[in-house]
Amino acid sequence: MISLEEPIRYAGLDGAGALQSVVGGLHTRTRADHAGRVQRGVQLELDPLGARTLLGVTAAELTGG
């Protein structure tokens, strides 16, 4: 997810914070993302081959991060 407005706030996994963009894999615990009242941005969903091609890592390397 890439936010074109306010940073994406998140809570869960290993704490809380705010980022302008987020890349994540599959998780074994819950995480909540919140982008605020106005949401403008891009969300891209990739299959394992797409993740490897675009990000240069395997989908397994994104798991839990």
C-alpha atoms as a PDB file:
ATOM      1  CA  MET A   1       0.000   0.000   0.000  1.00  0.00           C
ATOM      2  CA  ILE A   2       1.256   3.464  -0.851  1.00  0.00           C
ATOM      3  CA  SER A   3      -0.630   6.351   0.745  1.00  0.00           C
ATOM      4  CA  LEU A   4      -0.859   9.593  -1.204  1.00  0.00           C
ATOM      5  CA  GLU A   5      -2.433  11.382   1.801  1.00  0.00           C
ATOM      6  CA  GLU A   6      -1.860  10.773   5.515  1.00  0.00           C
ATOM      7  CA  PRO A   7       0.521   8.011   6.620  1.00  0.00           C
ATOM      8  CA  ILE A   8      -0.955   4.551   7.163  1.00  0.00           C
ATOM      9  CA  ARG A   9      -1.237   3.902  10.882  1.00  0.00           C
ATOM     10  CA  TYR A  10      -0.878   0.308  12.032  1.00  0.00           C
ATOM     11  CA  ALA A  11      -1.069  -1.660  15.258  1.00  0.00           C
ATOM     12  CA  GLY A  12      -0.252  -5.259  16.037  1.00  0.00           C
ATOM     13  CA  LEU A  13       2.584  -7.615  15.212  1.00  0.00           C
ATOM     14  CA  ASP A  14       5.585  -5.926  16.854  1.00  0.00           C
ATOM     15  CA  GLY A  15       4.087  -2.602  17.947  1.00  0.00           C
ATOM     16  CA  ALA A  16       2.452   0.415  16.369  1.00  0.00           C
ATOM     17  CA  GLY A  17       3.483   3.280  14.131  1.00  0.00           C
ATOM     18  CA  ALA A  18       2.803   5.155  10.920  1.00  0.00           C
ATOM     19  CA  LEU A  19       4.343   4.733   7.474  1.00  0.00           C
ATOM     20  CA  GLN A  20       3.757   6.261   4.044  1.00  0.00           C
ATOM     21  CA  SER A  21       4.025   2.851   2.388  1.00  0.00           C
ATOM     22  CA  VAL A  22       3.722  -0.744   3.562  1.00  0.00           C
ATOM     23  CA  VAL A  23       4.830  -4.053   2.034  1.00  0.00           C
ATOM     24  CA  GLY A  24       3.766  -7.181   3.838  1.00  0.00           C
ATOM     25  CA  GLY A  25       3.418 -10.881   3.437  1.00  0.00           C
ATOM     26  CA  LEU A  26       1.216 -13.431   5.119  1.00  0.00           C
ATOM     27  CA  HIS A  27       0.936 -13.073   8.888  1.00  0.00           C
ATOM     28  CA  THR A  28       0.189 -15.571  11.645  1.00  0.00           C
ATOM     29  CA  ARG A  29      -1.103 -12.782  13.951  1.00  0.00           C
ATOM     30  CA  THR A  30      -3.526  -9.943  13.301  1.00  0.00           C
ATOM     31  CA  ARG A  31      -2.555  -6.411  12.320  1.00  0.00           C
ATOM     32  CA  ALA A  32      -4.819  -3.404  11.894  1.00  0.00           C
ATOM     33  CA  ASP A  33      -4.144  -0.742   9.246  1.00  0.00           C
ATOM     34  CA  HIS A  34      -5.910   2.610   9.280  1.00  0.00           C
ATOM     35  CA  ALA A  35      -5.484   5.303   6.632  1.00  0.00           C
ATOM     36  CA  GLY A  36      -7.688   8.049   8.132  1.00  0.00           C
ATOM     37  CA  ARG A  37     -10.822   9.716   6.806  1.00  0.00           C
ATOM     38  CA  VAL A  38      -9.482  10.556   3.366  1.00  0.00           C
ATOM     39  CA  GLN A  39      -7.876   7.663   1.544  1.00  0.00           C
ATOM     40  CA  ARG A  40      -5.938   8.147  -1.654  1.00  0.00           C
ATOM     41  CA  GLY A  41      -3.304   5.688  -2.678  1.00  0.00           C
ATOM     42  CA  VAL A  42      -2.389   2.509  -4.429  1.00  0.00           C
ATOM     43  CA  GLN A  43      -2.773  -1.053  -3.208  1.00  0.00           C
ATOM     44  CA  LEU A  44      -1.126  -3.804  -5.173  1.00  0.00           C
ATOM     45  CA  GLU A  45      -1.786  -7.486  -4.581  1.00  0.00           C
ATOM     46  CA  LEU A  46       0.850  -9.803  -6.017  1.00  0.00           C
ATOM     47  CA  ASP A  47       1.047 -13.531  -6.501  1.00  0.00           C
ATOM     48  CA  PRO A  48       4.325 -15.209  -5.417  1.00  0.00           C
ATOM     49  CA  LEU A  49       5.955 -14.778  -8.834  1.00  0.00           C
ATOM     50  CA  GLY A  50       4.903 -11.112  -8.999  1.00  0.00           C
ATOM     51  CA  ALA A  51       6.378 -10.461  -5.536  1.00  0.00           C
ATOM     52  CA  ARG A  52       9.672 -12.028  -6.583  1.00  0.00           C
ATOM     53  CA  THR A  53       9.772 -10.071  -9.849  1.00  0.00           C
ATOM     54  CA  LEU A  54       8.803  -6.659  -8.416  1.00  0.00           C
ATOM     55  CA  LEU A  55      10.402  -6.794  -4.962  1.00  0.00           C
ATOM     56  CA  GLY A  56      13.365  -9.083  -5.578  1.00  0.00           C
ATOM     57  CA  VAL A  57      12.471 -11.378  -2.678  1.00  0.00           C
ATOM     58  CA  THR A  58      10.389 -14.497  -2.360  1.00  0.00           C
ATOM     59  CA  ALA A  59       6.892 -14.321  -0.871  1.00  0.00           C
ATOM     60  CA  ALA A  60       8.193 -16.487   1.997  1.00  0.00           C
ATOM     61  CA  GLU A  61      10.724 -13.761   2.909  1.00  0.00           C
ATOM     62  CA  LEU A  62       7.820 -11.303   3.422  1.00  0.00           C
ATOM     63  CA  THR A  63       5.952 -13.612   5.810  1.00  0.00           C
ATOM     64  CA  GLY A  64       5.465 -12.111   9.264  1.00  0.00           C
ATOM     65  CA  GLY A  65       7.250  -8.871   8.426  1.00  0.00           C
END
